[in-house]
Amino acid sequence: MVRLQSASPERKAKFTIAPNLAVAGDQGLLRVALENLLGNAWKVHRGKPQTVIELGMEQRDREKIYFVRDNGVGSI
């Protein structure tokens, strides 16, 4: 997220990360996936007064569902 913000320092952004968020997996692949998801969320905010991006997890039944939410194009 620091990379995204430093690339566009004039842009107002709010990043929210759920507390104690953890996941097990290949560190390199997870990094690529997260960079792509955050990069896409960042791109769809061009022209908006503030970018809001949230990284979190929801528990549904016995499954953990991880998400990246934003207020960009296509958001509800």
PDB file of N, CA and C in Angstrom:
ATOM      1  N   MET A   1       0.813  -1.181   0.000  1.00  0.00           N
ATOM      2  CA  MET A   1       0.000   0.000   0.000  1.00  0.00           C
ATOM      3  C   MET A   1       0.863   1.253   0.000  1.00  0.00           C
ATOM      4  N   VAL A   2       1.999   1.152   0.615  1.00  0.00           N
ATOM      5  CA  VAL A   2       2.922   2.287   0.612  1.00  0.00           C
ATOM      6  C   VAL A   2       3.356   2.590  -0.818  1.00  0.00           C
ATOM      7  N   ARG A   3       3.600   1.556  -1.605  1.00  0.00           N
ATOM      8  CA  ARG A   3       3.990   1.766  -3.002  1.00  0.00           C
ATOM      9  C   ARG A   3       2.905   2.484  -3.785  1.00  0.00           C
ATOM     10  N   LEU A   4       1.657   2.077  -3.565  1.00  0.00           N
ATOM     11  CA  LEU A   4       0.549   2.713  -4.271  1.00  0.00           C
ATOM     12  C   LEU A   4       0.451   4.185  -3.896  1.00  0.00           C
ATOM     13  N   GLN A   5       0.507   4.465  -2.605  1.00  0.00           N
ATOM     14  CA  GLN A   5       0.392   5.844  -2.134  1.00  0.00           C
ATOM     15  C   GLN A   5       1.570   6.686  -2.596  1.00  0.00           C
ATOM     16  N   SER A   6       2.774   6.132  -2.576  1.00  0.00           N
ATOM     17  CA  SER A   6       3.941   6.915  -2.986  1.00  0.00           C
ATOM     18  C   SER A   6       3.941   7.193  -4.491  1.00  0.00           C
ATOM     19  N   ALA A   7       3.281   6.350  -5.274  1.00  0.00           N
ATOM     20  CA  ALA A   7       3.189   6.565  -6.716  1.00  0.00           C
ATOM     21  C   ALA A   7       2.251   7.728  -7.046  1.00  0.00           C
ATOM     22  N   SER A   8       1.301   8.013  -6.155  1.00  0.00           N
ATOM     23  CA  SER A   8       0.352   9.118  -6.346  1.00  0.00           C
ATOM     24  C   SER A   8       0.164   9.837  -5.018  1.00  0.00           C
ATOM     25  N   PRO A   9       1.187  10.566  -4.558  1.00  0.00           N
ATOM     26  CA  PRO A   9       1.130  11.180  -3.228  1.00  0.00           C
ATOM     27  C   PRO A   9       0.022  12.231  -3.066  1.00  0.00           C
ATOM     28  N   GLU A  10      -0.461  12.774  -4.162  1.00  0.00           N
ATOM     29  CA  GLU A  10      -1.516  13.786  -4.082  1.00  0.00           C
ATOM     30  C   GLU A  10      -2.886  13.161  -3.826  1.00  0.00           C
ATOM     31  N   ARG A  11      -2.977  11.876  -4.008  1.00  0.00           N
ATOM     32  CA  ARG A  11      -4.248  11.181  -3.890  1.00  0.00           C
ATOM     33  C   ARG A  11      -4.592  10.895  -2.436  1.00  0.00           C
ATOM     34  N   LYS A  12      -5.813  11.207  -2.045  1.00  0.00           N
ATOM     35  CA  LYS A  12      -6.268  10.909  -0.691  1.00  0.00           C
ATOM     36  C   LYS A  12      -6.736   9.462  -0.649  1.00  0.00           C
ATOM     37  N   ALA A  13      -6.214   8.710   0.315  1.00  0.00           N
ATOM     38  CA  ALA A  13      -6.562   7.302   0.405  1.00  0.00           C
ATOM     39  C   ALA A  13      -6.705   6.873   1.852  1.00  0.00           C
ATOM     40  N   LYS A  14      -7.640   5.965   2.060  1.00  0.00           N
ATOM     41  CA  LYS A  14      -7.838   5.359   3.377  1.00  0.00           C
ATOM     42  C   LYS A  14      -7.744   3.851   3.185  1.00  0.00           C
ATOM     43  N   PHE A  15      -6.795   3.230   3.866  1.00  0.00           N
ATOM     44  CA  PHE A  15      -6.627   1.785   3.832  1.00  0.00           C
ATOM     45  C   PHE A  15      -7.043   1.224   5.183  1.00  0.00           C
ATOM     46  N   THR A  16      -7.859   0.186   5.166  1.00  0.00           N
ATOM     47  CA  THR A  16      -8.270  -0.476   6.395  1.00  0.00           C
ATOM     48  C   THR A  16      -7.898  -1.941   6.286  1.00  0.00           C
ATOM     49  N   ILE A  17      -7.181  -2.430   7.285  1.00  0.00           N
ATOM     50  CA  ILE A  17      -6.791  -3.845   7.328  1.00  0.00           C
ATOM     51  C   ILE A  17      -7.359  -4.434   8.605  1.00  0.00           C
ATOM     52  N   ALA A  18      -8.084  -5.531   8.476  1.00  0.00           N
ATOM     53  CA  ALA A  18      -8.684  -6.187   9.640  1.00  0.00           C
ATOM     54  C   ALA A  18      -7.593  -6.581  10.633  1.00  0.00           C
ATOM     55  N   PRO A  19      -7.850  -6.418  11.924  1.00  0.00           N
ATOM     56  CA  PRO A  19      -6.850  -6.800  12.933  1.00  0.00           C
ATOM     57  C   PRO A  19      -6.628  -8.305  12.947  1.00  0.00           C
ATOM     58  N   ASN A  20      -5.415  -8.704  13.237  1.00  0.00           N
ATOM     59  CA  ASN A  20      -5.038 -10.122  13.366  1.00  0.00           C
ATOM     60  C   ASN A  20      -5.306 -10.934  12.103  1.00  0.00           C
ATOM     61  N   LEU A  21      -5.246 -10.297  10.955  1.00  0.00           N
ATOM     62  CA  LEU A  21      -5.476 -10.987   9.685  1.00  0.00           C
ATOM     63  C   LEU A  21      -4.262 -11.851   9.361  1.00  0.00           C
ATOM     64  N   ALA A  22      -4.488 -13.130   9.141  1.00  0.00           N
ATOM     65  CA  ALA A  22      -3.398 -14.053   8.820  1.00  0.00           C
ATOM     66  C   ALA A  22      -3.903 -15.094   7.828  1.00  0.00           C
ATOM     67  N   VAL A  23      -2.983 -15.563   7.001  1.00  0.00           N
ATOM     68  CA  VAL A  23      -3.313 -16.590   6.023  1.00  0.00           C
ATOM     69  C   VAL A  23      -2.081 -17.456   5.824  1.00  0.00           C
ATOM     70  N   ALA A  24      -2.295 -18.730   5.530  1.00  0.00           N
ATOM     71  CA  ALA A  24      -1.189 -19.653   5.268  1.00  0.00           C
ATOM     72  C   ALA A  24      -1.130 -19.912   3.761  1.00  0.00           C
ATOM     73  N   GLY A  25       0.074 -19.933   3.221  1.00  0.00           N
ATOM     74  CA  GLY A  25       0.232 -20.214   1.803  1.00  0.00           C
ATOM     75  C   GLY A  25       1.610 -19.824   1.328  1.00  0.00           C
ATOM     76  N   ASP A  26       1.831 -19.979   0.051  1.00  0.00           N
ATOM     77  CA  ASP A  26       3.103 -19.624  -0.560  1.00  0.00           C
ATOM     78  C   ASP A  26       3.273 -18.111  -0.518  1.00  0.00           C
ATOM     79  N   GLN A  27       4.292 -17.634   0.167  1.00  0.00           N
ATOM     80  CA  GLN A  27       4.489 -16.200   0.364  1.00  0.00           C
ATOM     81  C   GLN A  27       4.604 -15.442  -0.952  1.00  0.00           C
ATOM     82  N   GLY A  28       5.332 -15.972  -1.903  1.00  0.00           N
ATOM     83  CA  GLY A  28       5.506 -15.300  -3.191  1.00  0.00           C
ATOM     84  C   GLY A  28       4.212 -15.189  -3.967  1.00  0.00           C
ATOM     85  N   LEU A  29       3.452 -16.277  -4.018  1.00  0.00           N
ATOM     86  CA  LEU A  29       2.181 -16.260  -4.751  1.00  0.00           C
ATOM     87  C   LEU A  29       1.151 -15.367  -4.065  1.00  0.00           C
ATOM     88  N   LEU A  30       1.121 -15.409  -2.738  1.00  0.00           N
ATOM     89  CA  LEU A  30       0.198 -14.538  -2.011  1.00  0.00           C
ATOM     90  C   LEU A  30       0.539 -13.072  -2.225  1.00  0.00           C
ATOM     91  N   ARG A  31       1.829 -12.751  -2.267  1.00  0.00           N
ATOM     92  CA  ARG A  31       2.254 -11.371  -2.516  1.00  0.00           C
ATOM     93  C   ARG A  31       1.787 -10.902  -3.895  1.00  0.00           C
ATOM     94  N   VAL A  32       1.970 -11.741  -4.906  1.00  0.00           N
ATOM     95  CA  VAL A  32       1.548 -11.380  -6.264  1.00  0.00           C
ATOM     96  C   VAL A  32       0.035 -11.177  -6.319  1.00  0.00           C
ATOM     97  N   ALA A  33      -0.714 -12.090  -5.709  1.00  0.00           N
ATOM     98  CA  ALA A  33      -2.173 -11.984  -5.715  1.00  0.00           C
ATOM     99  C   ALA A  33      -2.625 -10.705  -5.013  1.00  0.00           C
ATOM    100  N   LEU A  34      -2.045 -10.423  -3.857  1.00  0.00           N
ATOM    101  CA  LEU A  34      -2.428  -9.235  -3.102  1.00  0.00           C
ATOM    102  C   LEU A  34      -2.043  -7.955  -3.841  1.00  0.00           C
ATOM    103  N   GLU A  35      -0.854  -7.924  -4.433  1.00  0.00           N
ATOM    104  CA  GLU A  35      -0.441  -6.752  -5.208  1.00  0.00           C
ATOM    105  C   GLU A  35      -1.388  -6.507  -6.372  1.00  0.00           C
ATOM    106  N   ASN A  36      -1.822  -7.577  -7.045  1.00  0.00           N
ATOM    107  CA  ASN A  36      -2.749  -7.430  -8.172  1.00  0.00           C
ATOM    108  C   ASN A  36      -4.110  -6.925  -7.707  1.00  0.00           C
ATOM    109  N   LEU A  37      -4.632  -7.484  -6.619  1.00  0.00           N
ATOM    110  CA  LEU A  37      -5.939  -7.058  -6.111  1.00  0.00           C
ATOM    111  C   LEU A  37      -5.906  -5.604  -5.643  1.00  0.00           C
ATOM    112  N   LEU A  38      -4.876  -5.246  -4.893  1.00  0.00           N
ATOM    113  CA  LEU A  38      -4.765  -3.861  -4.419  1.00  0.00           C
ATOM    114  C   LEU A  38      -4.524  -2.894  -5.585  1.00  0.00           C
ATOM    115  N   GLY A  39      -3.706  -3.311  -6.547  1.00  0.00           N
ATOM    116  CA  GLY A  39      -3.452  -2.479  -7.722  1.00  0.00           C
ATOM    117  C   GLY A  39      -4.716  -2.227  -8.533  1.00  0.00           C
ATOM    118  N   ASN A  40      -5.538  -3.254  -8.681  1.00  0.00           N
ATOM    119  CA  ASN A  40      -6.800  -3.090  -9.404  1.00  0.00           C
ATOM    120  C   ASN A  40      -7.745  -2.160  -8.649  1.00  0.00           C
ATOM    121  N   ALA A  41      -7.824  -2.326  -7.337  1.00  0.00           N
ATOM    122  CA  ALA A  41      -8.675  -1.455  -6.527  1.00  0.00           C
ATOM    123  C   ALA A  41      -8.193  -0.007  -6.634  1.00  0.00           C
ATOM    124  N   TRP A  42      -6.884   0.194  -6.671  1.00  0.00           N
ATOM    125  CA  TRP A  42      -6.308   1.534  -6.771  1.00  0.00           C
ATOM    126  C   TRP A  42      -6.645   2.178  -8.119  1.00  0.00           C
ATOM    127  N   LYS A  43      -6.582   1.402  -9.197  1.00  0.00           N
ATOM    128  CA  LYS A  43      -6.798   1.927 -10.546  1.00  0.00           C
ATOM    129  C   LYS A  43      -8.213   2.435 -10.770  1.00  0.00           C
ATOM    130  N   VAL A  44      -9.207   1.772 -10.188  1.00  0.00           N
ATOM    131  CA  VAL A  44     -10.601   2.116 -10.485  1.00  0.00           C
ATOM    132  C   VAL A  44     -11.064   3.370  -9.754  1.00  0.00           C
ATOM    133  N   HIS A  45     -10.166   4.054  -9.061  1.00  0.00           N
ATOM    134  CA  HIS A  45     -10.534   5.246  -8.306  1.00  0.00           C
ATOM    135  C   HIS A  45     -10.111   6.543  -8.970  1.00  0.00           C
ATOM    136  N   ARG A  46      -9.583   6.497 -10.137  1.00  0.00           N
ATOM    137  CA  ARG A  46      -9.167   7.727 -10.801  1.00  0.00           C
ATOM    138  C   ARG A  46     -10.345   8.687 -10.871  1.00  0.00           C
ATOM    139  N   GLY A  47     -10.128   9.908 -10.433  1.00  0.00           N
ATOM    140  CA  GLY A  47     -11.173  10.917 -10.485  1.00  0.00           C
ATOM    141  C   GLY A  47     -12.059  10.986  -9.255  1.00  0.00           C
ATOM    142  N   LYS A  48     -11.934  10.049  -8.334  1.00  0.00           N
ATOM    143  CA  LYS A  48     -12.734  10.091  -7.107  1.00  0.00           C
ATOM    144  C   LYS A  48     -12.006  10.936  -6.070  1.00  0.00           C
ATOM    145  N   PRO A  49     -12.750  11.619  -5.179  1.00  0.00           N
ATOM    146  CA  PRO A  49     -12.090  12.471  -4.187  1.00  0.00           C
ATOM    147  C   PRO A  49     -11.270  11.693  -3.157  1.00  0.00           C
ATOM    148  N   GLN A  50     -11.695  10.495  -2.799  1.00  0.00           N
ATOM    149  CA  GLN A  50     -10.918   9.689  -1.855  1.00  0.00           C
ATOM    150  C   GLN A  50     -11.036   8.213  -2.215  1.00  0.00           C
ATOM    151  N   THR A  51      -9.909   7.537  -2.176  1.00  0.00           N
ATOM    152  CA  THR A  51      -9.850   6.106  -2.398  1.00  0.00           C
ATOM    153  C   THR A  51     -10.020   5.422  -1.052  1.00  0.00           C
ATOM    154  N   VAL A  52     -10.912   4.432  -0.990  1.00  0.00           N
ATOM    155  CA  VAL A  52     -11.100   3.649   0.226  1.00  0.00           C
ATOM    156  C   VAL A  52     -10.911   2.179  -0.149  1.00  0.00           C
ATOM    157  N   ILE A  53      -9.928   1.538   0.477  1.00  0.00           N
ATOM    158  CA  ILE A  53      -9.636   0.127   0.205  1.00  0.00           C
ATOM    159  C   ILE A  53      -9.588  -0.609   1.529  1.00  0.00           C
ATOM    160  N   GLU A  54     -10.308  -1.731   1.602  1.00  0.00           N
ATOM    161  CA  GLU A  54     -10.384  -2.523   2.831  1.00  0.00           C
ATOM    162  C   GLU A  54      -9.922  -3.948   2.544  1.00  0.00           C
ATOM    163  N   LEU A  55      -9.073  -4.463   3.407  1.00  0.00           N
ATOM    164  CA  LEU A  55      -8.603  -5.840   3.330  1.00  0.00           C
ATOM    165  C   LEU A  55      -9.119  -6.543   4.566  1.00  0.00           C
ATOM    166  N   GLY A  56      -9.840  -7.650   4.373  1.00  0.00           N
ATOM    167  CA  GLY A  56     -10.423  -8.311   5.530  1.00  0.00           C
ATOM    168  C   GLY A  56     -10.778  -9.762   5.286  1.00  0.00           C
ATOM    169  N   MET A  57     -11.516 -10.317   6.244  1.00  0.00           N
ATOM    170  CA  MET A  57     -11.911 -11.720   6.193  1.00  0.00           C
ATOM    171  C   MET A  57     -13.285 -11.855   6.829  1.00  0.00           C
ATOM    172  N   GLU A  58     -14.111 -12.704   6.238  1.00  0.00           N
ATOM    173  CA  GLU A  58     -15.419 -13.043   6.795  1.00  0.00           C
ATOM    174  C   GLU A  58     -15.465 -14.536   7.033  1.00  0.00           C
ATOM    175  N   GLN A  59     -16.152 -14.936   8.076  1.00  0.00           N
ATOM    176  CA  GLN A  59     -16.343 -16.359   8.365  1.00  0.00           C
ATOM    177  C   GLN A  59     -17.732 -16.729   7.880  1.00  0.00           C
ATOM    178  N   ARG A  60     -17.817 -17.693   6.982  1.00  0.00           N
ATOM    179  CA  ARG A  60     -19.102 -18.202   6.505  1.00  0.00           C
ATOM    180  C   ARG A  60     -19.108 -19.701   6.730  1.00  0.00           C
ATOM    181  N   ASP A  61     -19.990 -20.133   7.589  1.00  0.00           N
ATOM    182  CA  ASP A  61     -20.009 -21.525   8.037  1.00  0.00           C
ATOM    183  C   ASP A  61     -18.618 -21.843   8.579  1.00  0.00           C
ATOM    184  N   ARG A  62     -17.924 -22.759   7.978  1.00  0.00           N
ATOM    185  CA  ARG A  62     -16.575 -23.111   8.455  1.00  0.00           C
ATOM    186  C   ARG A  62     -15.477 -22.590   7.544  1.00  0.00           C
ATOM    187  N   GLU A  63     -15.859 -21.765   6.578  1.00  0.00           N
ATOM    188  CA  GLU A  63     -14.874 -21.237   5.630  1.00  0.00           C
ATOM    189  C   GLU A  63     -14.497 -19.803   5.964  1.00  0.00           C
ATOM    190  N   LYS A  64     -13.228 -19.502   5.768  1.00  0.00           N
ATOM    191  CA  LYS A  64     -12.753 -18.131   5.874  1.00  0.00           C
ATOM    192  C   LYS A  64     -12.687 -17.568   4.458  1.00  0.00           C
ATOM    193  N   ILE A  65     -13.307 -16.421   4.262  1.00  0.00           N
ATOM    194  CA  ILE A  65     -13.329 -15.782   2.951  1.00  0.00           C
ATOM    195  C   ILE A  65     -12.591 -14.453   3.068  1.00  0.00           C
ATOM    196  N   TYR A  66     -11.486 -14.338   2.360  1.00  0.00           N
ATOM    197  CA  TYR A  66     -10.669 -13.133   2.384  1.00  0.00           C
ATOM    198  C   TYR A  66     -11.109 -12.223   1.245  1.00  0.00           C
ATOM    199  N   PHE A  67     -11.055 -10.905   1.474  1.00  0.00           N
ATOM    200  CA  PHE A  67     -11.535  -9.985   0.455  1.00  0.00           C
ATOM    201  C   PHE A  67     -10.733  -8.694   0.431  1.00  0.00           C
ATOM    202  N   VAL A  68     -10.796  -8.051  -0.733  1.00  0.00           N
ATOM    203  CA  VAL A  68     -10.340  -6.682  -0.914  1.00  0.00           C
ATOM    204  C   VAL A  68     -11.565  -5.932  -1.420  1.00  0.00           C
ATOM    205  N   ARG A  69     -12.017  -4.933  -0.661  1.00  0.00           N
ATOM    206  CA  ARG A  69     -13.167  -4.115  -1.051  1.00  0.00           C
ATOM    207  C   ARG A  69     -12.687  -2.694  -1.325  1.00  0.00           C
ATOM    208  N   ASP A  70     -13.399  -2.029  -2.235  1.00  0.00           N
ATOM    209  CA  ASP A  70     -13.047  -0.641  -2.524  1.00  0.00           C
ATOM    210  C   ASP A  70     -14.303   0.125  -2.877  1.00  0.00           C
ATOM    211  N   ASN A  71     -14.178   1.428  -2.961  1.00  0.00           N
ATOM    212  CA  ASN A  71     -15.317   2.285  -3.321  1.00  0.00           C
ATOM    213  C   ASN A  71     -15.212   2.780  -4.759  1.00  0.00           C
ATOM    214  N   GLY A  72     -14.556   2.014  -5.587  1.00  0.00           N
ATOM    215  CA  GLY A  72     -14.341   2.415  -6.975  1.00  0.00           C
ATOM    216  C   GLY A  72     -15.484   2.043  -7.892  1.00  0.00           C
ATOM    217  N   VAL A  73     -15.203   2.074  -9.168  1.00  0.00           N
ATOM    218  CA  VAL A  73     -16.191   1.736 -10.191  1.00  0.00           C
ATOM    219  C   VAL A  73     -16.756   0.347  -9.923  1.00  0.00           C
ATOM    220  N   GLY A  74     -18.072   0.241  -9.944  1.00  0.00           N
ATOM    221  CA  GLY A  74     -18.733  -1.045  -9.749  1.00  0.00           C
ATOM    222  C   GLY A  74     -19.033  -1.381  -8.301  1.00  0.00           C
ATOM    223  N   SER A  75     -18.620  -0.548  -7.370  1.00  0.00           N
ATOM    224  CA  SER A  75     -18.912  -0.835  -5.963  1.00  0.00           C
ATOM    225  C   SER A  75     -20.340  -0.415  -5.639  1.00  0.00           C
ATOM    226  N   ILE A  76     -20.874  -1.040  -4.639  1.00  0.00           N
ATOM    227  CA  ILE A  76     -22.266  -0.754  -4.226  1.00  0.00           C
ATOM    228  C   ILE A  76     -22.274   0.311  -3.161  1.00  0.00           C
TER     229      ILE A  76
END
